C-alpha atoms as a PDB file:
ATOM      1  CA  MET A   1       0.000   0.000   0.000  1.00  0.00           C
ATOM      2  CA  SER A   2       1.386   3.424  -0.944  1.00  0.00           C
ATOM      3  CA  SER A   3       1.844   6.122   1.669  1.00  0.00           C
ATOM      4  CA  MET A   4      -0.954   8.109   0.020  1.00  0.00           C
ATOM      5  CA  GLU A   5      -3.354   5.170   0.180  1.00  0.00           C
ATOM      6  CA  GLU A   6      -2.420   4.561   3.803  1.00  0.00           C
ATOM      7  CA  GLU A   7      -3.036   8.213   4.695  1.00  0.00           C
ATOM      8  CA  ARG A   8      -6.419   8.109   2.951  1.00  0.00           C
ATOM      9  CA  ARG A   9      -7.360   4.938   4.813  1.00  0.00           C
ATOM     10  CA  GLN A  10      -6.381   6.448   8.151  1.00  0.00           C
ATOM     11  CA  ARG A  11      -8.287   9.662   7.501  1.00  0.00           C
ATOM     12  CA  LYS A  12     -11.415   7.718   6.584  1.00  0.00           C
ATOM     13  CA  GLN A  13     -11.139   5.512   9.662  1.00  0.00           C
ATOM     14  CA  LYS A  14     -10.733   8.538  11.917  1.00  0.00           C
ATOM     15  CA  LEU A  15     -13.742  10.119  10.225  1.00  0.00           C
ATOM     16  CA  ALA A  16     -15.875   7.017  10.773  1.00  0.00           C
ATOM     17  CA  ALA A  17     -14.786   6.977  14.423  1.00  0.00           C
ATOM     18  CA  ALA A  18     -15.752  10.638  14.815  1.00  0.00           C
ATOM     19  CA  TYR A  19     -19.242   9.907  13.488  1.00  0.00           C
ATOM     20  CA  ARG A  20     -19.611   6.999  15.937  1.00  0.00           C
ATOM     21  CA  LEU A  21     -18.547   9.231  18.818  1.00  0.00           C
ATOM     22  CA  PHE A  22     -20.928  12.002  17.777  1.00  0.00           C
ATOM     23  CA  ALA A  23     -23.732   9.436  17.891  1.00  0.00           C
ATOM     24  CA  ARG A  24     -22.669   8.362  21.382  1.00  0.00           C
ATOM     25  CA  PHE A  25     -22.642  11.936  22.581  1.00  0.00           C
ATOM     26  CA  ASN A  26     -26.117  12.576  21.102  1.00  0.00           C
ATOM     27  CA  PHE A  27     -24.847  15.169  18.644  1.00  0.00           C
ATOM     28  CA  ASP A  28     -26.895  13.658  15.822  1.00  0.00           C
ATOM     29  CA  GLU A  29     -30.297  15.122  14.933  1.00  0.00           C
ATOM     30  CA  GLY A  30     -32.045  13.098  12.244  1.00  0.00           C
ATOM     31  CA  VAL A  31     -30.117  13.661   9.022  1.00  0.00           C
ATOM     32  CA  ALA A  32     -28.602  16.948  10.206  1.00  0.00           C
ATOM     33  CA  GLY A  33     -24.902  17.323  10.909  1.00  0.00           C
ATOM     34  CA  HIS A  34     -21.786  16.309   9.033  1.00  0.00           C
ATOM     35  CA  ILE A  35     -18.052  15.854   9.449  1.00  0.00           C
ATOM     36  CA  THR A  36     -15.693  15.994   6.487  1.00  0.00           C
ATOM     37  CA  VAL A  37     -12.045  15.277   5.791  1.00  0.00           C
ATOM     38  CA  ARG A  38     -10.058  16.498   2.819  1.00  0.00           C
ATOM     39  CA  ASP A  39      -8.640  13.815   0.538  1.00  0.00           C
ATOM     40  CA  PRO A  40      -4.833  13.709   0.988  1.00  0.00           C
ATOM     41  CA  GLU A  41      -4.134  13.408  -2.734  1.00  0.00           C
ATOM     42  CA  HIS A  42      -6.785  15.694  -4.221  1.00  0.00           C
ATOM     43  CA  SER A  43      -7.167  18.851  -2.142  1.00  0.00           C
ATOM     44  CA  ASP A  44     -10.368  19.836  -3.965  1.00  0.00           C
ATOM     45  CA  ARG A  45     -12.215  16.731  -2.765  1.00  0.00           C
ATOM     46  CA  PHE A  46     -13.486  15.659   0.645  1.00  0.00           C
ATOM     47  CA  TRP A  47     -15.011  12.594   2.285  1.00  0.00           C
ATOM     48  CA  VAL A  48     -18.418  12.820   3.970  1.00  0.00           C
ATOM     49  CA  ASN A  49     -21.222  10.562   5.206  1.00  0.00           C
ATOM     50  CA  PRO A  50     -24.020   9.444   2.864  1.00  0.00           C
ATOM     51  CA  LEU A  51     -27.378  11.058   3.568  1.00  0.00           C
ATOM     52  CA  GLY A  52     -29.647   9.135   5.920  1.00  0.00           C
ATOM     53  CA  ARG A  53     -27.041   6.788   7.410  1.00  0.00           C
ATOM     54  CA  TYR A  54     -27.097   6.707  11.226  1.00  0.00           C
ATOM     55  CA  PHE A  55     -23.876   8.179  12.629  1.00  0.00           C
ATOM     56  CA  GLY A  56     -23.518   5.204  14.964  1.00  0.00           C
ATOM     57  CA  HIS A  57     -23.359   2.767  12.035  1.00  0.00           C
ATOM     58  CA  ILE A  58     -20.881   4.591   9.806  1.00  0.00           C
ATOM     59  CA  ARG A  59     -17.911   2.555   8.566  1.00  0.00           C
ATOM     60  CA  ALA A  60     -14.912   3.859   6.652  1.00  0.00           C
ATOM     61  CA  SER A  61     -16.177   2.046   3.559  1.00  0.00           C
ATOM     62  CA  ASP A  62     -19.517   3.903   3.724  1.00  0.00           C
ATOM     63  CA  LEU A  63     -17.967   7.329   3.185  1.00  0.00           C
ATOM     64  CA  VAL A  64     -18.531   9.282  -0.011  1.00  0.00           C
ATOM     65  CA  LEU A  65     -15.916  11.289  -1.919  1.00  0.00           C
ATOM     66  CA  VAL A  66     -17.227  14.611  -3.232  1.00  0.00           C
ATOM     67  CA  SER A  67     -15.512  17.252  -5.351  1.00  0.00           C
ATOM     68  CA  HIS A  68     -15.796  20.962  -4.628  1.00  0.00           C
ATOM     69  CA  SER A  69     -18.029  21.184  -7.681  1.00  0.00           C
ATOM     70  CA  GLY A  70     -20.490  18.701  -6.161  1.00  0.00           C
ATOM     71  CA  ASP A  71     -19.648  15.563  -8.134  1.00  0.00           C
ATOM     72  CA  ILE A  72     -19.752  12.252  -6.263  1.00  0.00           C
ATOM     73  CA  LEU A  73     -16.549  10.479  -7.258  1.00  0.00           C
ATOM     74  CA  GLU A  74     -16.586   7.452  -4.953  1.00  0.00           C
ATOM     75  CA  GLY A  75     -19.214   5.821  -2.798  1.00  0.00           C
ATOM     76  CA  THR A  76     -22.966   5.801  -2.934  1.00  0.00           C
ATOM     77  CA  GLY A  77     -24.883   9.045  -2.469  1.00  0.00           C
ATOM     78  CA  PRO A  78     -26.825  11.133  -2.102  1.00  0.00           C
ATOM     79  CA  ILE A  79     -25.192  13.474   0.381  1.00  0.00           C
ATOM     80  CA  ASN A  80     -26.661  16.193   2.559  1.00  0.00           C
ATOM     81  CA  ARG A  81     -27.049  19.363   0.481  1.00  0.00           C
ATOM     82  CA  ALA A  82     -26.195  21.552   3.467  1.00  0.00           C
ATOM     83  CA  ALA A  83     -23.056  19.474   4.044  1.00  0.00           C
ATOM     84  CA  PHE A  84     -21.859  20.292   0.554  1.00  0.00           C
ATOM     85  CA  ALA A  85     -22.857  23.961   0.748  1.00  0.00           C
ATOM     86  CA  ILE A  86     -21.014  24.526   4.028  1.00  0.00           C
ATOM     87  CA  HIS A  87     -18.034  22.213   3.836  1.00  0.00           C
ATOM     88  CA  SER A  88     -17.086  22.860   0.213  1.00  0.00           C
ATOM     89  CA  GLN A  89     -16.831  26.564   0.977  1.00  0.00           C
ATOM     90  CA  VAL A  90     -14.945  26.090   4.239  1.00  0.00           C
ATOM     91  CA  HIS A  91     -12.426  23.777   2.556  1.00  0.00           C
ATOM     92  CA  LYS A  92     -12.052  26.220  -0.336  1.00  0.00           C
ATOM     93  CA  ALA A  93     -11.540  29.222   1.935  1.00  0.00           C
ATOM     94  CA  ARG A  94      -9.162  27.448   4.315  1.00  0.00           C
ATOM     95  CA  PRO A  95      -6.443  25.394   2.582  1.00  0.00           C
ATOM     96  CA  ASP A  96      -5.028  24.668   6.055  1.00  0.00           C
ATOM     97  CA  VAL A  97      -8.225  22.895   7.124  1.00  0.00           C
ATOM     98  CA  VAL A  98      -8.078  19.130   6.740  1.00  0.00           C
ATOM     99  CA  ALA A  99     -11.338  18.380   8.563  1.00  0.00           C
ATOM    100  CA  ALA A 100     -14.493  20.220   9.580  1.00  0.00           C
ATOM    101  CA  ALA A 101     -17.371  19.265  11.869  1.00  0.00           C
ATOM    102  CA  HIS A 102     -20.883  20.663  12.162  1.00  0.00           C
ATOM    103  CA  ALA A 103     -23.818  19.286  14.118  1.00  0.00           C
ATOM    104  CA  HIS A 104     -27.044  20.361  15.802  1.00  0.00           C
ATOM    105  CA  SER A 105     -25.913  19.318  19.277  1.00  0.00           C
ATOM    106  CA  PRO A 106     -28.162  20.177  22.268  1.00  0.00           C
ATOM    107  CA  ALA A 107     -26.063  22.778  24.086  1.00  0.00           C
ATOM    108  CA  GLY A 108     -24.676  24.188  20.844  1.00  0.00           C
ATOM    109  CA  LYS A 109     -28.174  24.815  19.499  1.00  0.00           C
ATOM    110  CA  ALA A 110     -29.271  26.496  22.712  1.00  0.00           C
ATOM    111  CA  PHE A 111     -26.139  28.615  22.995  1.00  0.00           C
ATOM    112  CA  SER A 112     -26.301  29.632  19.338  1.00  0.00           C
ATOM    113  CA  SER A 113     -29.632  31.351  19.959  1.00  0.00           C
ATOM    114  CA  LEU A 114     -27.855  33.860  22.225  1.00  0.00           C
ATOM    115  CA  HIS A 115     -25.866  35.279  19.282  1.00  0.00           C
ATOM    116  CA  THR A 116     -22.792  35.717  21.451  1.00  0.00           C
ATOM    117  CA  LEU A 117     -19.321  34.281  21.747  1.00  0.00           C
ATOM    118  CA  LEU A 118     -18.301  31.856  24.464  1.00  0.00           C
ATOM    119  CA  SER A 119     -17.019  33.558  27.618  1.00  0.00           C
ATOM    120  CA  PRO A 120     -13.752  32.399  29.251  1.00  0.00           C
ATOM    121  CA  LEU A 121     -15.532  31.005  32.308  1.00  0.00           C
ATOM    122  CA  THR A 122     -13.519  27.782  32.610  1.00  0.00           C
ATOM    123  CA  GLN A 123     -10.109  26.475  31.680  1.00  0.00           C
ATOM    124  CA  ASP A 124     -11.634  24.395  28.862  1.00  0.00           C
ATOM    125  CA  ALA A 125     -13.532  27.361  27.429  1.00  0.00           C
ATOM    126  CA  CYS A 126     -10.262  29.294  27.188  1.00  0.00           C
ATOM    127  CA  ALA A 127      -9.275  27.070  24.251  1.00  0.00           C
ATOM    128  CA  PHE A 128     -11.650  29.232  22.178  1.00  0.00           C
ATOM    129  CA  PHE A 129     -10.745  32.645  23.603  1.00  0.00           C
ATOM    130  CA  GLU A 130     -10.284  35.027  20.662  1.00  0.00           C
ATOM    131  CA  ASP A 131     -10.386  31.963  18.406  1.00  0.00           C
ATOM    132  CA  LEU A 132     -14.135  31.674  17.835  1.00  0.00           C
ATOM    133  CA  GLY A 133     -16.251  33.255  15.102  1.00  0.00           C
ATOM    134  CA  LEU A 134     -19.922  34.182  15.118  1.00  0.00           C
ATOM    135  CA  PHE A 135     -22.329  33.852  12.192  1.00  0.00           C
ATOM    136  CA  ALA A 136     -25.475  35.628  13.356  1.00  0.00           C
ATOM    137  CA  ASP A 137     -27.387  35.863  10.080  1.00  0.00           C
ATOM    138  CA  PHE A 138     -29.559  32.739  10.024  1.00  0.00           C
ATOM    139  CA  SER A 139     -31.764  32.703   6.920  1.00  0.00           C
ATOM    140  CA  GLY A 140     -33.036  29.123   6.889  1.00  0.00           C
ATOM    141  CA  VAL A 141     -31.581  25.758   5.951  1.00  0.00           C
ATOM    142  CA  VAL A 142     -28.224  26.195   4.215  1.00  0.00           C
ATOM    143  CA  SER A 143     -28.650  25.046   0.632  1.00  0.00           C
ATOM    144  CA  GLN A 144     -26.787  27.607  -1.442  1.00  0.00           C
ATOM    145  CA  LEU A 145     -23.051  28.007  -1.902  1.00  0.00           C
ATOM    146  CA  ASP A 146     -23.152  31.728  -1.147  1.00  0.00           C
ATOM    147  CA  GLU A 147     -24.561  30.935   2.294  1.00  0.00           C
ATOM    148  CA  GLY A 148     -21.736  28.483   2.880  1.00  0.00           C
ATOM    149  CA  ALA A 149     -19.275  31.142   1.752  1.00  0.00           C
ATOM    150  CA  ARG A 150     -20.668  33.612   4.295  1.00  0.00           C
ATOM    151  CA  ILE A 151     -20.279  30.999   7.029  1.00  0.00           C
ATOM    152  CA  ALA A 152     -16.678  30.434   5.931  1.00  0.00           C
ATOM    153  CA  GLU A 153     -16.128  34.192   6.061  1.00  0.00           C
ATOM    154  CA  ALA A 154     -17.507  34.361   9.613  1.00  0.00           C
ATOM    155  CA  LEU A 155     -15.209  31.506  10.613  1.00  0.00           C
ATOM    156  CA  GLY A 156     -12.242  33.373   9.187  1.00  0.00           C
ATOM    157  CA  GLY A 157      -8.937  31.965  10.382  1.00  0.00           C
ATOM    158  CA  LYS A 158     -10.361  30.638  13.644  1.00  0.00           C
ATOM    159  CA  LYS A 159     -10.800  27.050  14.854  1.00  0.00           C
ATOM    160  CA  ALA A 160     -14.561  27.282  15.430  1.00  0.00           C
ATOM    161  CA  ALA A 161     -17.701  29.343  14.944  1.00  0.00           C
ATOM    162  CA  ILE A 162     -21.083  29.716  16.564  1.00  0.00           C
ATOM    163  CA  LEU A 163     -23.756  29.551  13.850  1.00  0.00           C
ATOM    164  CA  GLY A 164     -26.605  31.645  15.201  1.00  0.00           C
ATOM    165  CA  ASN A 165     -29.903  29.753  15.723  1.00  0.00           C
ATOM    166  CA  HIS A 166     -28.252  26.744  14.138  1.00  0.00           C
ATOM    167  CA  GLY A 167     -25.364  25.031  15.926  1.00  0.00           C
ATOM    168  CA  LEU A 168     -21.583  24.770  16.070  1.00  0.00           C
ATOM    169  CA  LEU A 169     -18.807  24.460  13.486  1.00  0.00           C
ATOM    170  CA  THR A 170     -15.216  23.436  14.171  1.00  0.00           C
ATOM    171  CA  VAL A 171     -12.186  22.849  11.954  1.00  0.00           C
ATOM    172  CA  GLY A 172      -8.708  21.452  12.319  1.00  0.00           C
ATOM    173  CA  GLY A 173      -5.599  20.099  10.698  1.00  0.00           C
ATOM    174  CA  SER A 174      -6.870  16.555  11.275  1.00  0.00           C
ATOM    175  CA  VAL A 175     -10.139  14.750  11.947  1.00  0.00           C
ATOM    176  CA  ASP A 176      -8.896  14.248  15.497  1.00  0.00           C
ATOM    177  CA  GLU A 177      -8.497  17.966  16.065  1.00  0.00           C
ATOM    178  CA  ALA A 178     -11.762  19.089  14.450  1.00  0.00           C
ATOM    179  CA  ALA A 179     -13.766  16.422  16.300  1.00  0.00           C
ATOM    180  CA  TRP A 180     -12.190  17.227  19.665  1.00  0.00           C
ATOM    181  CA  TRP A 181     -12.770  20.966  19.264  1.00  0.00           C
ATOM    182  CA  PHE A 182     -16.431  20.204  18.588  1.00  0.00           C
ATOM    183  CA  ILE A 183     -16.759  17.926  21.608  1.00  0.00           C
ATOM    184  CA  THR A 184     -15.136  20.362  24.021  1.00  0.00           C
ATOM    185  CA  LEU A 185     -16.925  23.395  22.522  1.00  0.00           C
ATOM    186  CA  GLU A 186     -20.276  21.665  23.020  1.00  0.00           C
ATOM    187  CA  ARG A 187     -19.380  20.900  26.635  1.00  0.00           C
ATOM    188  CA  SER A 188     -18.189  24.458  27.236  1.00  0.00           C
ATOM    189  CA  CYS A 189     -21.465  25.812  25.826  1.00  0.00           C
ATOM    190  CA  ALA A 190     -23.336  23.530  28.237  1.00  0.00           C
ATOM    191  CA  ALA A 191     -21.167  24.719  31.141  1.00  0.00           C
ATOM    192  CA  GLU A 192     -21.789  28.392  30.348  1.00  0.00           C
ATOM    193  CA  LEU A 193     -25.542  27.863  30.005  1.00  0.00           C
ATOM    194  CA  ALA A 194     -25.571  26.123  33.402  1.00  0.00           C
ATOM    195  CA  ALA A 195     -23.467  28.851  35.016  1.00  0.00           C
ATOM    196  CA  ARG A 196     -25.709  31.606  33.655  1.00  0.00           C
ATOM    197  CA  ALA A 197     -28.786  29.785  34.933  1.00  0.00           C
ATOM    198  CA  ALA A 198     -27.249  29.393  38.393  1.00  0.00           C
ATOM    199  CA  GLY A 199     -26.089  32.962  38.925  1.00  0.00           C
ATOM    200  CA  THR A 200     -23.572  35.522  37.700  1.00  0.00           C
ATOM    201  CA  PRO A 201     -20.454  33.729  36.442  1.00  0.00           C
ATOM    202  CA  GLN A 202     -17.087  35.450  36.793  1.00  0.00           C
ATOM    203  CA  PRO A 203     -14.902  35.234  33.673  1.00  0.00           C
ATOM    204  CA  ILE A 204     -11.195  34.530  33.632  1.00  0.00           C
ATOM    205  CA  PRO A 205      -9.155  37.726  32.978  1.00  0.00           C
ATOM    206  CA  ASP A 206      -8.197  38.208  29.336  1.00  0.00           C
ATOM    207  CA  LEU A 207      -4.443  37.823  29.874  1.00  0.00           C
ATOM    208  CA  VAL A 208      -4.852  34.546  31.748  1.00  0.00           C
ATOM    209  CA  ALA A 209      -7.449  33.318  29.226  1.00  0.00           C
ATOM    210  CA  ARG A 210      -5.054  34.078  26.381  1.00  0.00           C
ATOM    211  CA  GLN A 211      -2.175  32.252  28.066  1.00  0.00           C
ATOM    212  CA  THR A 212      -4.439  29.292  28.793  1.00  0.00           C
ATOM    213  CA  ARG A 213      -5.598  29.190  25.170  1.00  0.00           C
ATOM    214  CA  ASP A 214      -2.008  29.026  23.986  1.00  0.00           C
ATOM    215  CA  THR A 215      -1.438  26.038  26.286  1.00  0.00           C
ATOM    216  CA  ILE A 216      -4.588  23.962  25.687  1.00  0.00           C
ATOM    217  CA  GLY A 217      -5.977  25.368  22.452  1.00  0.00           C
ATOM    218  CA  ASN A 218      -3.184  24.453  20.071  1.00  0.00           C
ATOM    219  CA  ALA A 219      -3.326  21.822  17.346  1.00  0.00           C
ATOM    220  CA  MET A 220      -1.222  19.241  19.171  1.00  0.00           C
ATOM    221  CA  VAL A 221      -3.439  19.313  22.263  1.00  0.00           C
ATOM    222  CA  GLY A 222      -6.525  19.101  20.056  1.00  0.00           C
ATOM    223  CA  TRP A 223      -5.129  16.008  18.318  1.00  0.00           C
ATOM    224  CA  LEU A 224      -3.921  14.413  21.553  1.00  0.00           C
ATOM    225  CA  SER A 225      -7.215  14.921  23.386  1.00  0.00           C
ATOM    226  CA  PHE A 226      -9.030  12.844  20.757  1.00  0.00           C
ATOM    227  CA  GLN A 227      -6.753   9.814  21.078  1.00  0.00           C
ATOM    228  CA  PRO A 228      -8.347   8.226  24.195  1.00  0.00           C
ATOM    229  CA  LEU A 229     -11.787   8.541  22.590  1.00  0.00           C
ATOM    230  CA  TYR A 230     -10.530   7.015  19.350  1.00  0.00           C
ATOM    231  CA  ALA A 231      -8.913   4.095  21.178  1.00  0.00           C
ATOM    232  CA  ARG A 232     -12.125   3.476  23.113  1.00  0.00           C
ATOM    233  CA  ILE A 233     -14.476   3.518  20.134  1.00  0.00           C
ATOM    234  CA  VAL A 234     -12.195   1.316  17.994  1.00  0.00           C
ATOM    235  CA  GLN A 235     -11.884  -1.259  20.777  1.00  0.00           C
ATOM    236  CA  GLU A 236     -15.625  -1.331  21.391  1.00  0.00           C
ATOM    237  CA  GLU A 237     -16.779  -1.030  17.759  1.00  0.00           C
ATOM    238  CA  PRO A 238     -13.941  -2.300  15.508  1.00  0.00           C
ATOM    239  CA  ASP A 239     -16.275  -2.694  12.510  1.00  0.00           C
ATOM    240  CA  LEU A 240     -15.997   1.082  11.940  1.00  0.00           C
ATOM    241  CA  LEU A 241     -12.550   0.454  10.461  1.00  0.00           C
ATOM    242  CA  GLU A 242     -13.956  -1.697   7.640  1.00  0.00           C
END
């Protein structure tokens, strides 16, 4: 097997594992939500789940290869139209992004209705301090490329974005990183919602939040934090590697 084929196989297996984990964490909502990974050989193509397949059943062999022009090149479609509209534009706008994740997770949906950025209330939330975009112009289900382009613009060069009245979006230099940023962003949204409901939370000072972000919000920590979850899901559900 060539190094390129091996890299493709590994990316697809990590992507399948991320879908399984999203199902476990109840991030799935019917056919909504999608995680993508750029093909290592063809940068204008990405792998995504087929429409209507339960996240908890996704295998590497189920994934579909789609070009930035919308052509299905491998696998059996169809795919989610919103997945193509959002992810094709994010991958186009950000050559550094290998993977992107979007889902209608419970806390993310609730927090997105506030049209505000995450506050640095906890150490974990500091990973997104000054590294989180806000797209506050919800206009219905994303189906057009120009809408995806506006989301990509709101994301900018950051690792994540709050999509107002919609959900969360995260990106990274690997599936591991993008998936972990989504998981911890969802949990941080839940923590802030709980803190606001309980009283008046006190944020971490900007300087400390910035220093903490540099420590726990970098790409290596994002990748590393996903590894225990990946090991667990592969051990418990090895068929995802098929």
